[in-house]
C-alpha atoms as a PDB file:
ATOM      1  CA  MET A   1      86.483  32.487 258.203  1.00  0.00           C
ATOM      2  CA  GLN A   2      88.215  31.244 255.070  1.00  0.00           C
ATOM      3  CA  SER A   3      85.029  31.502 252.994  1.00  0.00           C
ATOM      4  CA  LYS A   4      84.527  35.089 254.192  1.00  0.00           C
ATOM      5  CA  PHE A   5      88.092  35.945 253.139  1.00  0.00           C
ATOM      6  CA  LEU A   6      87.516  34.388 249.718  1.00  0.00           C
ATOM      7  CA  LEU A   7      84.337  36.414 249.251  1.00  0.00           C
ATOM      8  CA  ILE A   8      86.163  39.657 250.099  1.00  0.00           C
ATOM      9  CA  LEU A   9      88.997  38.711 247.734  1.00  0.00           C
ATOM     10  CA  ALA A  10      86.517  37.979 244.940  1.00  0.00           C
ATOM     11  CA  ALA A  11      84.765  41.309 245.491  1.00  0.00           C
ATOM     12  CA  CYS A  12      88.094  43.187 245.304  1.00  0.00           C
ATOM     13  CA  ALA A  13      89.048  41.342 242.135  1.00  0.00           C
ATOM     14  CA  ALA A  14      85.718  42.191 240.506  1.00  0.00           C
ATOM     15  CA  SER A  15      86.124  45.852 241.463  1.00  0.00           C
ATOM     16  CA  PHE A  16      89.646  45.885 240.021  1.00  0.00           C
ATOM     17  CA  LEU A  17      88.519  44.300 236.750  1.00  0.00           C
ATOM     18  CA  THR A  18      85.680  46.799 236.432  1.00  0.00           C
ATOM     19  CA  ALA A  19      88.096  49.704 236.930  1.00  0.00           C
ATOM     20  CA  CYS A  20      90.478  48.268 234.347  1.00  0.00           C
ATOM     21  CA  SER A  21      87.721  47.962 231.794  1.00  0.00           C
ATOM     22  CA  THR A  22      86.784  51.646 232.140  1.00  0.00           C
ATOM     23  CA  PRO A  23      88.438  53.591 229.276  1.00  0.00           C
ATOM     24  CA  LEU A  24      90.926  56.270 230.282  1.00  0.00           C
ATOM     25  CA  PRO A  25      89.978  59.894 229.475  1.00  0.00           C
ATOM     26  CA  SER A  26      91.350  61.222 226.205  1.00  0.00           C
ATOM     27  CA  SER A  27      93.878  64.021 225.986  1.00  0.00           C
ATOM     28  CA  ALA A  28      91.123  66.359 224.812  1.00  0.00           C
ATOM     29  CA  ASP A  29      88.981  65.399 227.830  1.00  0.00           C
ATOM     30  CA  LEU A  30      91.881  66.087 230.192  1.00  0.00           C
ATOM     31  CA  ASP A  31      92.552  69.451 228.529  1.00  0.00           C
ATOM     32  CA  LYS A  32      88.905  70.438 228.921  1.00  0.00           C
ATOM     33  CA  LEU A  33      88.871  69.342 232.560  1.00  0.00           C
ATOM     34  CA  THR A  34      92.040  71.331 233.260  1.00  0.00           C
ATOM     35  CA  LYS A  35      90.616  74.459 231.629  1.00  0.00           C
ATOM     36  CA  ASP A  36      87.391  74.100 233.612  1.00  0.00           C
ATOM     37  CA  ILE A  37      89.325  73.777 236.890  1.00  0.00           C
ATOM     38  CA  VAL A  38      91.513  76.802 236.101  1.00  0.00           C
ATOM     39  CA  ALA A  39      88.496  78.898 235.075  1.00  0.00           C
ATOM     40  CA  ARG A  40      86.645  78.061 238.292  1.00  0.00           C
ATOM     41  CA  SER A  41      89.733  78.744 240.414  1.00  0.00           C
ATOM     42  CA  PHE A  42      90.553  82.157 238.907  1.00  0.00           C
ATOM     43  CA  ARG A  43      88.856  85.404 239.822  1.00  0.00           C
ATOM     44  CA  ALA A  44      88.902  88.692 237.935  1.00  0.00           C
ATOM     45  CA  GLU A  45      90.179  91.464 240.175  1.00  0.00           C
ATOM     46  CA  GLY A  46      92.383  94.519 239.747  1.00  0.00           C
ATOM     47  CA  GLN A  47      94.561  94.113 236.656  1.00  0.00           C
ATOM     48  CA  ALA A  48      94.220  90.323 236.697  1.00  0.00           C
ATOM     49  CA  GLN A  49      91.342  89.620 234.330  1.00  0.00           C
ATOM     50  CA  LEU A  50      89.908  86.435 232.870  1.00  0.00           C
ATOM     51  CA  ASP A  51      91.611  86.936 229.504  1.00  0.00           C
ATOM     52  CA  ARG A  52      94.754  85.345 230.896  1.00  0.00           C
ATOM     53  CA  VAL A  53      93.025  81.969 231.287  1.00  0.00           C
ATOM     54  CA  SER A  54      91.729  82.112 227.706  1.00  0.00           C
ATOM     55  CA  PRO A  55      94.799  82.144 225.442  1.00  0.00           C
ATOM     56  CA  ASP A  56      94.501  83.863 222.073  1.00  0.00           C
ATOM     57  CA  GLU A  57      95.001  81.859 218.886  1.00  0.00           C
ATOM     58  CA  ASP A  58      98.748  82.455 218.621  1.00  0.00           C
ATOM     59  CA  ASN A  59      99.397  81.600 222.266  1.00  0.00           C
ATOM     60  CA  LEU A  60      97.400  78.413 221.813  1.00  0.00           C
ATOM     61  CA  LEU A  61      99.283  77.368 218.667  1.00  0.00           C
ATOM     62  CA  CYS A  62     102.683  77.973 220.252  1.00  0.00           C
ATOM     63  CA  SER A  63     101.661  76.259 223.489  1.00  0.00           C
ATOM     64  CA  GLN A  64     100.426  73.171 221.647  1.00  0.00           C
ATOM     65  CA  ALA A  65     103.681  72.920 219.720  1.00  0.00           C
ATOM     66  CA  ASP A  66     105.704  73.304 222.913  1.00  0.00           C
ATOM     67  CA  GLN A  67     103.692  70.640 224.736  1.00  0.00           C
ATOM     68  CA  SER A  68     104.132  68.168 221.897  1.00  0.00           C
ATOM     69  CA  GLY A  69     107.864  68.860 221.675  1.00  0.00           C
ATOM     70  CA  THR A  70     107.608  70.121 218.106  1.00  0.00           C
ATOM     71  CA  THR A  71     108.165  73.467 216.427  1.00  0.00           C
ATOM     72  CA  ILE A  72     105.782  75.631 214.446  1.00  0.00           C
ATOM     73  CA  ASP A  73     106.232  74.900 210.723  1.00  0.00           C
ATOM     74  CA  GLU A  74     107.548  77.710 208.537  1.00  0.00           C
ATOM     75  CA  LYS A  75     104.246  78.425 206.798  1.00  0.00           C
ATOM     76  CA  LEU A  76     102.321  78.739 210.064  1.00  0.00           C
ATOM     77  CA  ALA A  77     105.127  80.791 211.650  1.00  0.00           C
ATOM     78  CA  ALA A  78     105.021  83.204 208.716  1.00  0.00           C
ATOM     79  CA  ALA A  79     101.243  83.536 209.109  1.00  0.00           C
ATOM     80  CA  ILE A  80     101.549  84.261 212.839  1.00  0.00           C
ATOM     81  CA  GLU A  81     104.240  86.880 212.232  1.00  0.00           C
ATOM     82  CA  ALA A  82     102.246  88.573 209.463  1.00  0.00           C
ATOM     83  CA  ARG A  83      99.129  88.644 211.639  1.00  0.00           C
ATOM     84  CA  ASN A  84     101.010  90.230 214.530  1.00  0.00           C
ATOM     85  CA  MET A  85     102.846  92.705 212.290  1.00  0.00           C
ATOM     86  CA  GLN A  86      99.476  94.192 211.391  1.00  0.00           C
ATOM     87  CA  THR A  87      98.844  95.082 215.048  1.00  0.00           C
ATOM     88  CA  ILE A  88     101.856  97.399 215.359  1.00  0.00           C
ATOM     89  CA  LYS A  89     100.895 101.071 215.343  1.00  0.00           C
ATOM     90  CA  GLN A  90     103.371 103.869 214.813  1.00  0.00           C
ATOM     91  CA  PRO A  91     103.527 106.596 217.503  1.00  0.00           C
ATOM     92  CA  ALA A  92     100.619 109.002 217.155  1.00  0.00           C
ATOM     93  CA  ASP A  93     102.874 112.094 217.058  1.00  0.00           C
ATOM     94  CA  GLY A  94     105.582 110.489 214.918  1.00  0.00           C
ATOM     95  CA  LYS A  95     108.153 110.670 217.744  1.00  0.00           C
ATOM     96  CA  PHE A  96     109.729 107.394 218.812  1.00  0.00           C
ATOM     97  CA  LEU A  97     111.900 108.436 221.768  1.00  0.00           C
ATOM     98  CA  GLY A  98     111.003 109.737 225.209  1.00  0.00           C
ATOM     99  CA  ASP A  99     113.166 110.186 228.336  1.00  0.00           C
ATOM    100  CA  PHE A 100     115.794 107.508 228.981  1.00  0.00           C
ATOM    101  CA  LYS A 101     115.735 108.263 232.735  1.00  0.00           C
ATOM    102  CA  GLU A 102     112.064 107.332 232.818  1.00  0.00           C
ATOM    103  CA  GLY A 103     112.880 104.329 230.662  1.00  0.00           C
ATOM    104  CA  GLU A 104     115.326 103.056 233.275  1.00  0.00           C
ATOM    105  CA  LYS A 105     112.609 103.277 235.947  1.00  0.00           C
ATOM    106  CA  ILE A 106     110.223 101.288 233.776  1.00  0.00           C
ATOM    107  CA  ALA A 107     112.895  98.687 233.012  1.00  0.00           C
ATOM    108  CA  GLN A 108     113.557  98.265 236.737  1.00  0.00           C
ATOM    109  CA  SER A 109     109.893  98.023 237.755  1.00  0.00           C
ATOM    110  CA  GLY A 110     108.060  94.722 237.925  1.00  0.00           C
ATOM    111  CA  ALA A 111     104.808  96.305 239.062  1.00  0.00           C
ATOM    112  CA  GLY A 112     101.459  95.517 237.511  1.00  0.00           C
ATOM    113  CA  LYS A 113      99.076  92.809 236.296  1.00  0.00           C
ATOM    114  CA  THR A 114      98.216  91.423 239.732  1.00  0.00           C
ATOM    115  CA  TRP A 115      95.006  91.250 241.768  1.00  0.00           C
ATOM    116  CA  THR A 116      96.209  94.047 244.046  1.00  0.00           C
ATOM    117  CA  ASP A 117      97.057  96.484 241.215  1.00  0.00           C
ATOM    118  CA  LYS A 118      94.323  99.009 240.479  1.00  0.00           C
ATOM    119  CA  ALA A 119      93.049  98.939 236.913  1.00  0.00           C
ATOM    120  CA  ASP A 120      94.468 102.414 236.165  1.00  0.00           C
ATOM    121  CA  ALA A 121      97.847 101.895 237.865  1.00  0.00           C
ATOM    122  CA  ALA A 122     100.992 102.109 235.704  1.00  0.00           C
ATOM    123  CA  ASN A 123     102.774  98.858 234.932  1.00  0.00           C
ATOM    124  CA  GLY A 124     106.489  98.256 234.824  1.00  0.00           C
ATOM    125  CA  GLY A 125     108.400  96.503 232.062  1.00  0.00           C
ATOM    126  CA  ASN A 126     110.498  94.267 234.355  1.00  0.00           C
ATOM    127  CA  CYS A 127     113.081  94.278 231.549  1.00  0.00           C
ATOM    128  CA  TYR A 128     116.031  93.366 233.785  1.00  0.00           C
ATOM    129  CA  ASN A 129     114.312  90.093 234.566  1.00  0.00           C
ATOM    130  CA  CYS A 130     115.423  88.846 231.121  1.00  0.00           C
ATOM    131  CA  HIS A 131     118.106  91.247 229.870  1.00  0.00           C
ATOM    132  CA  GLN A 132     121.322  92.968 230.772  1.00  0.00           C
ATOM    133  CA  ILE A 133     120.754  96.628 229.927  1.00  0.00           C
ATOM    134  CA  SER A 134     122.725  99.183 231.925  1.00  0.00           C
ATOM    135  CA  LYS A 135     126.292  98.411 232.995  1.00  0.00           C
ATOM    136  CA  GLU A 136     125.526  99.751 236.474  1.00  0.00           C
ATOM    137  CA  GLU A 137     122.892  97.081 237.123  1.00  0.00           C
ATOM    138  CA  LEU A 138     124.513  93.953 238.564  1.00  0.00           C
ATOM    139  CA  SER A 139     121.381  91.822 238.852  1.00  0.00           C
ATOM    140  CA  TYR A 140     119.737  90.810 235.578  1.00  0.00           C
ATOM    141  CA  GLY A 141     118.361  87.777 233.774  1.00  0.00           C
ATOM    142  CA  THR A 142     119.810  85.991 230.783  1.00  0.00           C
ATOM    143  CA  LEU A 143     116.663  84.584 229.183  1.00  0.00           C
ATOM    144  CA  GLY A 144     116.936  87.319 226.551  1.00  0.00           C
ATOM    145  CA  PRO A 145     120.062  88.746 224.882  1.00  0.00           C
ATOM    146  CA  SER A 146     122.127  91.529 226.429  1.00  0.00           C
ATOM    147  CA  LEU A 147     120.880  94.986 225.422  1.00  0.00           C
ATOM    148  CA  TYR A 148     123.904  96.864 226.742  1.00  0.00           C
ATOM    149  CA  ASN A 149     125.232  99.231 224.047  1.00  0.00           C
ATOM    150  CA  TYR A 150     122.110  98.399 222.027  1.00  0.00           C
ATOM    151  CA  GLY A 151     122.052 101.623 220.025  1.00  0.00           C
ATOM    152  CA  LYS A 152     125.813 102.101 219.932  1.00  0.00           C
ATOM    153  CA  MET A 153     126.472  98.659 218.436  1.00  0.00           C
ATOM    154  CA  ARG A 154     123.886  99.356 215.749  1.00  0.00           C
ATOM    155  CA  GLY A 155     125.440 102.674 214.774  1.00  0.00           C
ATOM    156  CA  VAL A 156     122.595 104.869 216.039  1.00  0.00           C
ATOM    157  CA  ALA A 157     124.353 108.204 216.485  1.00  0.00           C
ATOM    158  CA  ASN A 158     121.194 110.197 215.765  1.00  0.00           C
ATOM    159  CA  PRO A 159     117.911 108.351 216.304  1.00  0.00           C
ATOM    160  CA  ASN A 160     116.093 110.943 214.189  1.00  0.00           C
ATOM    161  CA  SER A 161     118.282 110.438 211.119  1.00  0.00           C
ATOM    162  CA  ALA A 162     117.240 108.580 207.979  1.00  0.00           C
ATOM    163  CA  GLU A 163     120.124 106.143 208.507  1.00  0.00           C
ATOM    164  CA  SER A 164     118.776 105.140 211.928  1.00  0.00           C
ATOM    165  CA  LYS A 165     115.160 104.802 210.836  1.00  0.00           C
ATOM    166  CA  PRO A 166     115.205 101.014 210.107  1.00  0.00           C
ATOM    167  CA  ILE A 167     116.601 100.076 213.533  1.00  0.00           C
ATOM    168  CA  VAL A 168     114.380 102.621 215.307  1.00  0.00           C
ATOM    169  CA  GLU A 169     111.240 101.227 213.660  1.00  0.00           C
ATOM    170  CA  TYR A 170     112.347  97.637 214.269  1.00  0.00           C
ATOM    171  CA  THR A 171     112.935  98.351 217.970  1.00  0.00           C
ATOM    172  CA  TRP A 172     109.551 100.040 218.243  1.00  0.00           C
ATOM    173  CA  GLY A 173     107.866  97.034 216.646  1.00  0.00           C
ATOM    174  CA  LYS A 174     109.801  94.538 218.749  1.00  0.00           C
ATOM    175  CA  ILE A 175     108.734  96.148 222.029  1.00  0.00           C
ATOM    176  CA  ASN A 176     105.137  96.522 220.870  1.00  0.00           C
ATOM    177  CA  ASN A 177     104.700  93.003 219.545  1.00  0.00           C
ATOM    178  CA  PRO A 178     107.724  90.680 219.316  1.00  0.00           C
ATOM    179  CA  ARG A 179     105.665  87.961 217.637  1.00  0.00           C
ATOM    180  CA  ALA A 180     105.732  90.031 214.485  1.00  0.00           C
ATOM    181  CA  TYR A 181     109.407  89.015 214.228  1.00  0.00           C
ATOM    182  CA  ASN A 182     109.457  85.653 216.018  1.00  0.00           C
ATOM    183  CA  ALA A 183     106.216  83.671 215.904  1.00  0.00           C
ATOM    184  CA  CYS A 184     106.541  82.038 219.319  1.00  0.00           C
ATOM    185  CA  SER A 185     108.643  84.643 221.092  1.00  0.00           C
ATOM    186  CA  SER A 186     108.447  84.459 224.890  1.00  0.00           C
ATOM    187  CA  MET A 187     108.901  88.223 225.158  1.00  0.00           C
ATOM    188  CA  PRO A 188     105.757  90.040 226.382  1.00  0.00           C
ATOM    189  CA  ARG A 189     103.728  91.898 223.749  1.00  0.00           C
ATOM    190  CA  PHE A 190     103.927  95.153 225.687  1.00  0.00           C
ATOM    191  CA  GLY A 191     102.013  97.361 223.275  1.00  0.00           C
ATOM    192  CA  HIS A 192      99.687  94.835 221.672  1.00  0.00           C
ATOM    193  CA  LYS A 193      98.464  93.545 225.034  1.00  0.00           C
ATOM    194  CA  GLY A 194      98.308  96.982 226.652  1.00  0.00           C
ATOM    195  CA  VAL A 195     100.921  96.191 229.288  1.00  0.00           C
ATOM    196  CA  LEU A 196     102.705  99.506 228.661  1.00  0.00           C
ATOM    197  CA  THR A 197     101.386 102.795 227.312  1.00  0.00           C
ATOM    198  CA  GLU A 198     102.727 104.404 224.166  1.00  0.00           C
ATOM    199  CA  MET A 199     104.610 106.946 226.289  1.00  0.00           C
ATOM    200  CA  GLN A 200     106.205 104.224 228.402  1.00  0.00           C
ATOM    201  CA  ILE A 201     107.388 102.449 225.256  1.00  0.00           C
ATOM    202  CA  LYS A 202     108.896 105.730 224.055  1.00  0.00           C
ATOM    203  CA  HIS A 203     110.841 105.967 227.317  1.00  0.00           C
ATOM    204  CA  LEU A 204     112.186 102.430 226.823  1.00  0.00           C
ATOM    205  CA  MET A 205     113.117 103.345 223.253  1.00  0.00           C
ATOM    206  CA  ALA A 206     115.171 106.264 224.608  1.00  0.00           C
ATOM    207  CA  LEU A 207     116.869 103.972 227.124  1.00  0.00           C
ATOM    208  CA  LEU A 208     117.990 101.707 224.288  1.00  0.00           C
ATOM    209  CA  LEU A 209     118.689 104.207 221.500  1.00  0.00           C
ATOM    210  CA  ASP A 210     119.461 107.643 222.917  1.00  0.00           C
ATOM    211  CA  PRO A 211     123.255 108.195 222.600  1.00  0.00           C
ATOM    212  CA  ALA A 212     123.117 110.022 225.963  1.00  0.00           C
ATOM    213  CA  SER A 213     121.577 106.985 227.709  1.00  0.00           C
ATOM    214  CA  PRO A 214     123.911 105.082 230.082  1.00  0.00           C
ATOM    215  CA  VAL A 215     123.107 102.008 227.994  1.00  0.00           C
ATOM    216  CA  ASN A 216     125.165 103.446 225.126  1.00  0.00           C
ATOM    217  CA  LYS A 217     128.090 104.769 227.142  1.00  0.00           C
END
């Protein structure tokens, strides 16, 4: 009985030593395995397509820096911002503002980008998830800065005036592609990634900048 126990113990010890001698997978191997698992587990359906499991270059750079607990160096950040600035297109008809009432609906809506959303269905901006905007809304996130009185605080009395042009164009660019101003911004790139249409962005612009909007009261 004792000899049998010793044989079992020896076999376990040998197995343990063999396992210990096997090299652990590298970080790159683990990353590849994770990506393979995610790719196999994800299906393209509705508005949820496979592009979301294949990050673009800027997402990858910012994600790698975040995972390593570092920050993007100034030179690389400047390159990312310049690259994203080139993606911003001015409104086709030259008009930046739409209807602030429609803008409020878009800001309130979190619809879109799921498996159950039809490809041609309108998305929402879900803006209140990160920002205070209208004073009437009591439930809002604080991940982003407050946008209440956005236009009023910036002296936008007439969005169509030459004096207001810099802040109007900045706001347009920020909604379209925030990485043009902050390399690793966590704000969605609503225009660049096609989350919102040009008209929807115009409505959000009116919500923020129209003096008649409740945001600026």
